[in-house]
C-alpha atoms as a PDB file:
ATOM      1  CA  MET A   1       4.800   2.838   8.311  1.00  0.00           C
ATOM      2  CA  LYS A   2       7.435   5.414   8.928  1.00  0.00           C
ATOM      3  CA  ILE A   3       9.653   4.247   6.146  1.00  0.00           C
ATOM      4  CA  ALA A   4       6.660   4.169   3.694  1.00  0.00           C
ATOM      5  CA  ALA A   5       5.560   7.637   4.857  1.00  0.00           C
ATOM      6  CA  GLY A   6       9.109   9.064   4.291  1.00  0.00           C
ATOM      7  CA  ALA A   7       9.457   7.567   0.886  1.00  0.00           C
ATOM      8  CA  ALA A   8       6.091   9.017  -0.040  1.00  0.00           C
ATOM      9  CA  ALA A   9       6.960  12.429   1.228  1.00  0.00           C
ATOM     10  CA  GLY A  10       9.935  12.278  -1.080  1.00  0.00           C
ATOM     11  CA  LEU A  11       7.884  11.487  -4.109  1.00  0.00           C
ATOM     12  CA  GLU A  12       5.272  14.166  -3.096  1.00  0.00           C
ATOM     13  CA  TYR A  13       8.150  16.674  -3.512  1.00  0.00           C
ATOM     14  CA  LEU A  14       9.251  15.240  -6.880  1.00  0.00           C
ATOM     15  CA  HIS A  15       5.591  15.226  -8.214  1.00  0.00           C
ATOM     16  CA  ASP A  16       4.089  18.274  -6.652  1.00  0.00           C
ATOM     17  CA  LYS A  17       6.828  20.764  -5.546  1.00  0.00           C
ATOM     18  CA  ALA A  18       9.442  20.306  -8.266  1.00  0.00           C
ATOM     19  CA  ASN A  19       8.905  22.368 -11.334  1.00  0.00           C
ATOM     20  CA  PRO A  20       8.529  20.781 -13.759  1.00  0.00           C
ATOM     21  CA  PRO A  21       7.421  17.618 -11.921  1.00  0.00           C
ATOM     22  CA  VAL A  22       9.973  14.776 -11.812  1.00  0.00           C
ATOM     23  CA  ILE A  23       9.048  11.046 -12.269  1.00  0.00           C
ATOM     24  CA  TYR A  24      11.431   8.887 -10.293  1.00  0.00           C
ATOM     25  CA  ARG A  25      10.935   5.812 -12.550  1.00  0.00           C
ATOM     26  CA  ASP A  26      12.799   3.454 -10.246  1.00  0.00           C
ATOM     27  CA  ILE A  27      11.351   3.134  -6.916  1.00  0.00           C
ATOM     28  CA  LYS A  28      12.440  -0.077  -5.185  1.00  0.00           C
ATOM     29  CA  PRO A  29      13.734  -0.926  -1.800  1.00  0.00           C
ATOM     30  CA  SER A  30      17.477  -0.586  -2.592  1.00  0.00           C
ATOM     31  CA  ASN A  31      17.046   2.950  -3.753  1.00  0.00           C
ATOM     32  CA  ILE A  32      15.515   3.829  -0.355  1.00  0.00           C
ATOM     33  CA  LEU A  33      18.127   4.907   2.138  1.00  0.00           C
ATOM     34  CA  LEU A  34      17.525   4.952   5.991  1.00  0.00           C
ATOM     35  CA  SER A  35      19.072   7.335   8.257  1.00  0.00           C
ATOM     36  CA  GLU A  36      19.160   6.992  12.060  1.00  0.00           C
ATOM     37  CA  GLY A  37      15.619   6.676  13.356  1.00  0.00           C
ATOM     38  CA  TYR A  38      14.571   5.006  10.129  1.00  0.00           C
ATOM     39  CA  HIS A  39      14.097   8.230   8.152  1.00  0.00           C
ATOM     40  CA  ALA A  40      13.645   7.357   4.521  1.00  0.00           C
ATOM     41  CA  LYS A  41      15.452   9.220   1.784  1.00  0.00           C
ATOM     42  CA  LEU A  42      15.249   8.519  -2.108  1.00  0.00           C
ATOM     43  CA  SER A  43      18.535   7.922  -3.811  1.00  0.00           C
ATOM     44  CA  ASP A  44      19.785   7.159  -7.317  1.00  0.00           C
ATOM     45  CA  PHE A  45      18.119   9.474  -9.672  1.00  0.00           C
ATOM     46  CA  GLY A  46      19.816   8.109 -12.664  1.00  0.00           C
ATOM     47  CA  LEU A  47      16.545   7.094 -14.390  1.00  0.00           C
ATOM     48  CA  ALA A  48      14.593   9.973 -13.246  1.00  0.00           C
ATOM     49  CA  LYS A  49      12.614  11.829 -15.991  1.00  0.00           C
ATOM     50  CA  LEU A  50      11.179  15.250 -16.175  1.00  0.00           C
ATOM     51  CA  GLY A  51       7.278  14.814 -16.248  1.00  0.00           C
ATOM     52  CA  PRO A  52       4.835  16.181 -18.731  1.00  0.00           C
ATOM     53  CA  VAL A  53       4.158  19.935 -18.864  1.00  0.00           C
ATOM     54  CA  GLY A  54       1.339  22.120 -20.414  1.00  0.00           C
ATOM     55  CA  ASP A  55      -1.264  20.065 -21.816  1.00  0.00           C
ATOM     56  CA  LYS A  56       0.561  16.902 -22.231  1.00  0.00           C
ATOM     57  CA  THR A  57      -0.673  14.011 -20.216  1.00  0.00           C
ATOM     58  CA  HIS A  58       2.569  11.823 -20.504  1.00  0.00           C
ATOM     59  CA  VAL A  59       6.030  11.488 -21.676  1.00  0.00           C
ATOM     60  CA  THR A  60       7.062   8.742 -24.033  1.00  0.00           C
ATOM     61  CA  THR A  61      10.362   7.007 -23.458  1.00  0.00           C
ATOM     62  CA  ARG A  62      12.202   3.764 -23.661  1.00  0.00           C
ATOM     63  CA  VAL A  63      11.017   1.388 -20.906  1.00  0.00           C
ATOM     64  CA  MET A  64      13.535   1.574 -18.088  1.00  0.00           C
ATOM     65  CA  GLY A  65      13.400   0.530 -14.426  1.00  0.00           C
ATOM     66  CA  THR A  66      13.232  -2.765 -12.423  1.00  0.00           C
ATOM     67  CA  TYR A  67      11.207  -5.719 -13.419  1.00  0.00           C
ATOM     68  CA  GLY A  68       8.542  -6.331 -10.866  1.00  0.00           C
ATOM     69  CA  TYR A  69       8.100  -2.731  -9.997  1.00  0.00           C
ATOM     70  CA  CYS A  70       7.238  -1.102 -13.401  1.00  0.00           C
ATOM     71  CA  ALA A  71       3.665  -0.098 -13.920  1.00  0.00           C
ATOM     72  CA  PRO A  72       1.739  -2.210 -16.474  1.00  0.00           C
ATOM     73  CA  GLU A  73       0.873   0.637 -18.774  1.00  0.00           C
ATOM     74  CA  TYR A  74       4.506   1.886 -18.935  1.00  0.00           C
ATOM     75  CA  ALA A  75       5.891  -1.504 -19.605  1.00  0.00           C
ATOM     76  CA  ALA A  76       3.487  -1.960 -22.400  1.00  0.00           C
ATOM     77  CA  THR A  77       3.618   1.381 -24.105  1.00  0.00           C
ATOM     78  CA  GLY A  78       6.488   3.367 -22.829  1.00  0.00           C
ATOM     79  CA  GLN A  79       4.151   6.181 -21.772  1.00  0.00           C
ATOM     80  CA  LEU A  80       5.298   7.477 -18.347  1.00  0.00           C
ATOM     81  CA  THR A  81       3.246   9.483 -15.960  1.00  0.00           C
ATOM     82  CA  VAL A  82       3.488  10.287 -12.167  1.00  0.00           C
ATOM     83  CA  LYS A  83       0.857   7.416 -11.784  1.00  0.00           C
ATOM     84  CA  SER A  84       3.635   5.190 -12.955  1.00  0.00           C
ATOM     85  CA  ASP A  85       5.480   6.056  -9.745  1.00  0.00           C
ATOM     86  CA  ILE A  86       2.370   5.307  -7.675  1.00  0.00           C
ATOM     87  CA  TYR A  87       2.222   1.811  -8.860  1.00  0.00           C
ATOM     88  CA  SER A  88       5.906   1.158  -8.064  1.00  0.00           C
ATOM     89  CA  PHE A  89       5.511   2.731  -4.805  1.00  0.00           C
ATOM     90  CA  GLY A  90       2.555   0.355  -4.102  1.00  0.00           C
ATOM     91  CA  VAL A  91       4.834  -2.722  -4.897  1.00  0.00           C
ATOM     92  CA  VAL A  92       7.340  -1.341  -2.321  1.00  0.00           C
ATOM     93  CA  PHE A  93       4.634  -0.751   0.226  1.00  0.00           C
ATOM     94  CA  LEU A  94       3.188  -4.236  -0.190  1.00  0.00           C
ATOM     95  CA  GLU A  95       6.729  -5.600   0.354  1.00  0.00           C
ATOM     96  CA  LEU A  96       6.905  -3.717   3.550  1.00  0.00           C
ATOM     97  CA  ILE A  97       3.535  -4.910   4.721  1.00  0.00           C
ATOM     98  CA  THR A  98       3.988  -8.613   3.773  1.00  0.00           C
ATOM     99  CA  GLY A  99       7.704  -9.147   4.260  1.00  0.00           C
ATOM    100  CA  ARG A 100       7.804 -10.594   0.727  1.00  0.00           C
ATOM    101  CA  ARG A 101       9.828  -9.627  -2.293  1.00  0.00           C
ATOM    102  CA  ALA A 102       8.248  -8.376  -5.470  1.00  0.00           C
ATOM    103  CA  LEU A 103       9.583 -11.502  -7.202  1.00  0.00           C
ATOM    104  CA  ASP A 104      10.754 -14.431  -5.465  1.00  0.00           C
ATOM    105  CA  SER A 105      11.579 -17.626  -7.351  1.00  0.00           C
ATOM    106  CA  ASN A 106      12.130 -19.547  -3.998  1.00  0.00           C
ATOM    107  CA  ARG A 107       8.371 -19.446  -3.279  1.00  0.00           C
ATOM    108  CA  PRO A 108       5.844 -21.703  -4.844  1.00  0.00           C
ATOM    109  CA  ARG A 109       4.832 -20.781  -8.417  1.00  0.00           C
ATOM    110  CA  GLU A 110       1.692 -19.060  -7.754  1.00  0.00           C
ATOM    111  CA  GLU A 111       3.390 -16.876  -4.986  1.00  0.00           C
ATOM    112  CA  GLN A 112       6.399 -15.842  -6.790  1.00  0.00           C
ATOM    113  CA  ASP A 113       4.908 -12.494  -8.156  1.00  0.00           C
ATOM    114  CA  LEU A 114       3.856 -10.629  -5.156  1.00  0.00           C
ATOM    115  CA  VAL A 115       1.304  -8.311  -6.859  1.00  0.00           C
ATOM    116  CA  SER A 116      -0.419 -11.466  -8.648  1.00  0.00           C
ATOM    117  CA  TRP A 117      -0.472 -13.233  -5.347  1.00  0.00           C
ATOM    118  CA  ALA A 118      -2.011 -10.354  -3.537  1.00  0.00           C
ATOM    119  CA  ARG A 119      -4.644  -9.270  -6.006  1.00  0.00           C
ATOM    120  CA  PRO A 120      -7.289 -12.009  -5.157  1.00  0.00           C
ATOM    121  CA  LEU A 121      -6.522 -11.610  -1.386  1.00  0.00           C
ATOM    122  CA  PHE A 122      -7.290  -7.710  -1.689  1.00  0.00           C
ATOM    123  CA  LYS A 123     -10.915  -8.770  -2.520  1.00  0.00           C
ATOM    124  CA  ASP A 124     -11.572 -10.349   0.788  1.00  0.00           C
ATOM    125  CA  GLN A 125     -10.887  -8.641   4.222  1.00  0.00           C
ATOM    126  CA  ARG A 126     -11.107 -11.978   6.016  1.00  0.00           C
ATOM    127  CA  LYS A 127      -7.790 -12.869   4.216  1.00  0.00           C
ATOM    128  CA  PHE A 128      -5.993  -9.689   5.147  1.00  0.00           C
ATOM    129  CA  PRO A 129      -4.208 -10.951   8.206  1.00  0.00           C
ATOM    130  CA  LYS A 130      -2.637 -13.783   6.059  1.00  0.00           C
ATOM    131  CA  MET A 131      -0.922 -10.839   4.216  1.00  0.00           C
ATOM    132  CA  ALA A 132       0.916  -9.354   7.139  1.00  0.00           C
ATOM    133  CA  ASP A 133       4.681 -10.164   7.742  1.00  0.00           C
ATOM    134  CA  PRO A 134       4.940 -13.403   9.484  1.00  0.00           C
ATOM    135  CA  LEU A 135       7.714 -11.910  11.692  1.00  0.00           C
ATOM    136  CA  LEU A 136       5.075  -9.923  13.423  1.00  0.00           C
ATOM    137  CA  ARG A 137       3.761 -13.204  14.774  1.00  0.00           C
ATOM    138  CA  GLY A 138       0.274 -12.188  14.565  1.00  0.00           C
ATOM    139  CA  ARG A 139       0.544  -8.999  16.556  1.00  0.00           C
ATOM    140  CA  PHE A 140      -0.553  -5.905  14.789  1.00  0.00           C
ATOM    141  CA  PRO A 141      -3.419  -3.543  14.960  1.00  0.00           C
ATOM    142  CA  LYS A 142      -6.180  -4.998  12.787  1.00  0.00           C
ATOM    143  CA  ARG A 143      -7.524  -1.690  11.577  1.00  0.00           C
ATOM    144  CA  GLY A 144      -4.028  -0.338  10.820  1.00  0.00           C
ATOM    145  CA  LEU A 145      -3.341  -3.448   8.501  1.00  0.00           C
ATOM    146  CA  TYR A 146      -6.631  -3.008   6.745  1.00  0.00           C
ATOM    147  CA  GLN A 147      -5.825   0.609   6.037  1.00  0.00           C
ATOM    148  CA  ALA A 148      -2.476  -0.115   4.847  1.00  0.00           C
ATOM    149  CA  LEU A 149      -3.458  -2.962   2.591  1.00  0.00           C
ATOM    150  CA  ALA A 150      -6.226  -0.770   1.066  1.00  0.00           C
ATOM    151  CA  ILE A 151      -3.684   1.933   0.409  1.00  0.00           C
ATOM    152  CA  ALA A 152      -1.454  -0.462  -1.389  1.00  0.00           C
ATOM    153  CA  ALA A 153      -4.441  -1.865  -3.398  1.00  0.00           C
ATOM    154  CA  MET A 154      -5.392   1.588  -4.604  1.00  0.00           C
ATOM    155  CA  CYS A 155      -1.753   2.118  -5.619  1.00  0.00           C
ATOM    156  CA  LEU A 156      -1.646  -1.059  -7.540  1.00  0.00           C
ATOM    157  CA  GLN A 157      -4.879  -0.318  -9.687  1.00  0.00           C
ATOM    158  CA  GLU A 158      -4.239  -1.670 -13.262  1.00  0.00           C
ATOM    159  CA  LYS A 159      -5.733   1.418 -14.696  1.00  0.00           C
ATOM    160  CA  SER A 160      -3.513   4.581 -13.913  1.00  0.00           C
ATOM    161  CA  ARG A 161      -6.450   6.823 -13.601  1.00  0.00           C
ATOM    162  CA  ASN A 162      -7.777   4.845 -10.730  1.00  0.00           C
ATOM    163  CA  ARG A 163      -4.613   5.425  -8.676  1.00  0.00           C
ATOM    164  CA  PRO A 164      -4.492   7.967  -5.988  1.00  0.00           C
ATOM    165  CA  LEU A 165      -2.195  11.102  -6.276  1.00  0.00           C
ATOM    166  CA  ILE A 166       0.961  10.867  -4.324  1.00  0.00           C
ATOM    167  CA  ARG A 167      -0.290  13.805  -1.864  1.00  0.00           C
ATOM    168  CA  GLU A 168      -3.183  11.610  -0.936  1.00  0.00           C
ATOM    169  CA  VAL A 169      -0.979   8.743  -0.236  1.00  0.00           C
ATOM    170  CA  ALA A 170       1.402  10.733   1.736  1.00  0.00           C
ATOM    171  CA  ALA A 171      -1.262  12.223   3.981  1.00  0.00           C
ATOM    172  CA  ALA A 172      -2.717   8.804   4.645  1.00  0.00           C
ATOM    173  CA  LEU A 173       0.563   7.303   5.623  1.00  0.00           C
ATOM    174  CA  SER A 174       1.595  10.362   7.596  1.00  0.00           C
ATOM    175  CA  TYR A 175      -1.443   9.899   9.673  1.00  0.00           C
ATOM    176  CA  LEU A 176      -0.813   5.967  10.031  1.00  0.00           C
ATOM    177  CA  SER A 177       2.751   6.436  10.904  1.00  0.00           C
ATOM    178  CA  SER A 178       1.786   8.833  13.590  1.00  0.00           C
ATOM    179  CA  GLN A 179      -0.367   6.423  15.533  1.00  0.00           C
ATOM    180  CA  THR A 180       0.831   4.436  18.611  1.00  0.00           C
ATOM    181  CA  TYR A 181      -0.530   0.990  19.333  1.00  0.00           C
ATOM    182  CA  ASP A 182      -0.472  -0.789  22.526  1.00  0.00           C
ATOM    183  CA  GLY A 183       0.160  -4.561  22.292  1.00  0.00           C
ATOM    184  CA  ASN A 184      -2.464  -5.151  25.175  1.00  0.00           C
ATOM    185  CA  ASP A 185      -5.299  -3.133  23.422  1.00  0.00           C
ATOM    186  CA  ALA A 186      -8.173  -5.206  22.164  1.00  0.00           C
ATOM    187  CA  ALA A 187      -7.718  -3.355  18.701  1.00  0.00           C
ATOM    188  CA  VAL A 188      -4.365  -5.407  18.217  1.00  0.00           C
ATOM    189  CA  CYS A 189      -4.864  -8.665  16.341  1.00  0.00           C
ATOM    190  CA  ARG A 190      -3.415 -11.818  17.791  1.00  0.00           C
ATOM    191  CA  TYR A 191      -3.681 -14.307  14.807  1.00  0.00           C
ATOM    192  CA  LEU A 192      -2.156 -17.596  15.718  1.00  0.00           C
ATOM    193  CA  ASP A 193      -1.774 -20.906  13.931  1.00  0.00           C
ATOM    194  CA  GLY A 194      -4.857 -23.052  14.259  1.00  0.00           C
ATOM    195  CA  PRO A 195      -8.455 -23.217  13.239  1.00  0.00           C
ATOM    196  CA  SER A 196      -9.100 -19.530  14.422  1.00  0.00           C
ATOM    197  CA  ALA A 197      -6.091 -17.990  12.456  1.00  0.00           C
ATOM    198  CA  SER A 198      -6.893 -15.208  10.273  1.00  0.00           C
ATOM    199  CA  LYS A 199     -10.446 -14.908  11.413  1.00  0.00           C
ATOM    200  CA  VAL A 200     -12.113 -11.509  11.109  1.00  0.00           C
ATOM    201  CA  SER A 201     -15.088 -10.832  13.077  1.00  0.00           C
ATOM    202  CA  ASP A 202     -18.459 -10.536  11.229  1.00  0.00           C
ATOM    203  CA  ASP A 203     -19.219  -7.305  13.206  1.00  0.00           C
ATOM    204  CA  GLN A 204     -16.148  -5.786  11.758  1.00  0.00           C
ATOM    205  CA  VAL A 205     -16.910  -6.647   8.216  1.00  0.00           C
ATOM    206  CA  ASN A 206     -20.616  -5.486   8.676  1.00  0.00           C
ATOM    207  CA  GLN A 207     -19.404  -2.210  10.068  1.00  0.00           C
ATOM    208  CA  ASP A 208     -17.130  -1.703   7.132  1.00  0.00           C
ATOM    209  CA  ASP A 209     -19.806  -2.732   4.722  1.00  0.00           C
ATOM    210  CA  ALA A 210     -22.362  -0.079   6.398  1.00  0.00           C
ATOM    211  CA  LEU A 211     -19.634   2.704   6.048  1.00  0.00           C
ATOM    212  CA  ALA A 212     -19.013   1.675   2.434  1.00  0.00           C
ATOM    213  CA  SER A 213     -22.736   1.786   1.583  1.00  0.00           C
ATOM    214  CA  GLN A 214     -23.114   5.039   3.626  1.00  0.00           C
ATOM    215  CA  HIS A 215     -20.453   6.766   1.296  1.00  0.00           C
ATOM    216  CA  GLY A 216     -21.892   5.164  -1.891  1.00  0.00           C
ATOM    217  CA  ALA A 217     -20.037   3.079  -4.491  1.00  0.00           C
ATOM    218  CA  GLN A 218     -20.865   4.511  -7.778  1.00  0.00           C
ATOM    219  CA  THR A 219     -18.094   7.013  -8.128  1.00  0.00           C
ATOM    220  CA  SER A 220     -14.463   6.602  -9.148  1.00  0.00           C
ATOM    221  CA  MET A 221     -11.786   6.068  -6.690  1.00  0.00           C
ATOM    222  CA  HIS A 222     -10.193   9.483  -7.167  1.00  0.00           C
ATOM    223  CA  ASP A 223     -13.615  11.123  -6.934  1.00  0.00           C
ATOM    224  CA  ARG A 224     -14.356   9.223  -3.674  1.00  0.00           C
ATOM    225  CA  MET A 225     -11.181  10.710  -2.125  1.00  0.00           C
ATOM    226  CA  ASN A 226     -12.228  14.213  -3.088  1.00  0.00           C
ATOM    227  CA  ASP A 227     -15.799  13.645  -2.020  1.00  0.00           C
ATOM    228  CA  LEU A 228     -14.738  12.415   1.389  1.00  0.00           C
ATOM    229  CA  VAL A 229     -12.094  15.009   2.015  1.00  0.00           C
ATOM    230  CA  PRO A 230     -12.782  18.050   0.059  1.00  0.00           C
ATOM    231  CA  GLU A 231      -9.965  20.535  -0.349  1.00  0.00           C
ATOM    232  CA  GLY A 232     -10.167  23.491   1.876  1.00  0.00           C
ATOM    233  CA  LYS A 233     -12.877  22.119   4.162  1.00  0.00           C
ATOM    234  CA  GLU A 234     -12.892  20.146   7.322  1.00  0.00           C
ATOM    235  CA  HIS A 235     -13.868  16.486   7.052  1.00  0.00           C
ATOM    236  CA  CYS A 236     -17.383  16.385   8.648  1.00  0.00           C
ATOM    237  CA  ARG A 237     -18.381  12.722   8.667  1.00  0.00           C
ATOM    238  CA  SER A 238     -20.401  12.247  11.799  1.00  0.00           C
ATOM    239  CA  GLY A 239     -18.700  10.219  14.575  1.00  0.00           C
ATOM    240  CA  SER A 240     -16.227  10.598  17.462  1.00  0.00           C
ATOM    241  CA  ASN A 241     -12.957  12.345  16.957  1.00  0.00           C
ATOM    242  CA  ARG A 242     -11.163   9.864  19.281  1.00  0.00           C
ATOM    243  CA  GLY A 243      -8.177   8.229  17.834  1.00  0.00           C
ATOM    244  CA  VAL A 244      -6.169   5.089  18.831  1.00  0.00           C
ATOM    245  CA  ARG A 245      -6.182   4.391  22.525  1.00  0.00           C
ATOM    246  CA  GLY A 246      -8.909   6.752  22.974  1.00  0.00           C
ATOM    247  CA  ARG A 247      -6.995  10.062  22.821  1.00  0.00           C
ATOM    248  CA  VAL A 248      -8.533  12.957  21.119  1.00  0.00           C
ATOM    249  CA  VAL A 249      -7.407  13.541  17.556  1.00  0.00           C
ATOM    250  CA  PRO A 250      -7.258  17.334  16.673  1.00  0.00           C
ATOM    251  CA  ASN A 251      -9.611  18.521  13.926  1.00  0.00           C
ATOM    252  CA  GLY A 252      -6.659  19.524  11.932  1.00  0.00           C
ATOM    253  CA  VAL A 253      -5.795  15.866  10.999  1.00  0.00           C
ATOM    254  CA  ASP A 254      -9.306  15.034   9.942  1.00  0.00           C
ATOM    255  CA  ARG A 255      -8.160  15.024   6.364  1.00  0.00           C
ATOM    256  CA  ASP A 256      -5.397  12.561   6.979  1.00  0.00           C
ATOM    257  CA  ARG A 257      -7.808  10.501   9.109  1.00  0.00           C
ATOM    258  CA  ALA A 258     -10.369  10.274   6.484  1.00  0.00           C
ATOM    259  CA  LEU A 259      -7.643   9.232   3.711  1.00  0.00           C
ATOM    260  CA  ALA A 260      -6.569   6.691   6.203  1.00  0.00           C
ATOM    261  CA  ASP A 261      -9.992   4.989   6.121  1.00  0.00           C
ATOM    262  CA  ALA A 262      -8.891   3.640   2.849  1.00  0.00           C
ATOM    263  CA  ASN A 263     -10.308   0.202   3.635  1.00  0.00           C
ATOM    264  CA  VAL A 264     -13.771   1.673   3.219  1.00  0.00           C
ATOM    265  CA  TRP A 265     -13.097   3.114  -0.161  1.00  0.00           C
ATOM    266  CA  ALA A 266     -11.327   0.012  -1.646  1.00  0.00           C
ATOM    267  CA  GLU A 267     -14.256  -2.253  -0.338  1.00  0.00           C
ATOM    268  CA  ALA A 268     -16.762   0.067  -2.036  1.00  0.00           C
ATOM    269  CA  TRP A 269     -14.760   0.291  -5.228  1.00  0.00           C
ATOM    270  CA  ARG A 270     -14.503  -3.534  -5.353  1.00  0.00           C
ATOM    271  CA  ARG A 271     -18.256  -3.617  -5.224  1.00  0.00           C
ATOM    272  CA  HIS A 272     -18.564  -0.868  -7.761  1.00  0.00           C
ATOM    273  CA  GLU A 273     -16.404  -2.815 -10.206  1.00  0.00           C
ATOM    274  CA  LYS A 274     -18.371  -6.065  -9.516  1.00  0.00           C
ATOM    275  CA  ALA A 275     -21.715  -4.324 -10.100  1.00  0.00           C
ATOM    276  CA  SER A 276     -20.258  -2.787 -13.431  1.00  0.00           C
ATOM    277  CA  LYS A 277     -19.311  -6.258 -14.594  1.00  0.00           C
ATOM    278  CA  VAL A 278     -22.769  -7.446 -13.773  1.00  0.00           C
ATOM    279  CA  ARG A 279     -24.339  -4.838 -15.768  1.00  0.00           C
ATOM    280  CA  VAL A 280     -22.089  -5.343 -18.843  1.00  0.00           C
ATOM    281  CA  THR A 281     -22.885  -8.973 -18.715  1.00  0.00           C
ATOM    282  CA  ASP A 282     -26.681  -8.447 -18.578  1.00  0.00           C
ATOM    283  CA  GLU A 283     -26.359  -5.993 -21.554  1.00  0.00           C
ATOM    284  CA  ILE A 284     -24.443  -8.688 -23.612  1.00  0.00           C
ATOM    285  CA  LEU A 285     -27.039 -11.472 -22.731  1.00  0.00           C
ATOM    286  CA  GLY A 286     -29.893  -9.075 -23.445  1.00  0.00           C
END
């Protein structure tokens, strides 16, 4: 989480603080350097491109970058936006979570492309534990895994307009990386080999379903972020302000905290897309 948060902070500077904005265009693990303490630094700006200015929505350029990390719309049209970087970051983040490479010819054919392998798993929270890096040996905070995978899923949306802004991603990851987890806590998963492996409690799924229903599922993902955490206002969702291990979380991090509840938004968005497909099918069939 610390590495992902550091890389996101670097992208946030390029996208939001540089003037004009800079599109990195080649986010991949080998371009993220680590200093002592695992502080991430972006390197190799050879493919970086100045972003659109004024009323322009994109810049058109020859497709460059590394196969497996390029956003689909950029690879298809050469139209580059800051959301292209978000997709590439999502691939890298998914690599960190799963311990898999973006492309790996040594795996079975259906698992060689990381994003293609992950997409169907994103739709079922019960399968989330199967996506965790096996080197963790089943020991990880369940809710933290859900939140991390939901952030990755949002970054990897096929339509660029549905991807979050980097400042939203950076805020969520900053919160997640600041949390401490006790391996003895009940909130930490212990998924082992056997019949009970990767089992998620129905209570947890029902709780997430209720939260998703509470917030509604008929708005876009970007609107959902703004609705849940409005700029300049404290997040005011009812509930305790106690964080991991029961310590009180200051109100000042409520925005980060709401963004870190990304699993709720991702689940709600999945239902929204499913409902939309049903409506379109009904209209076609008359």
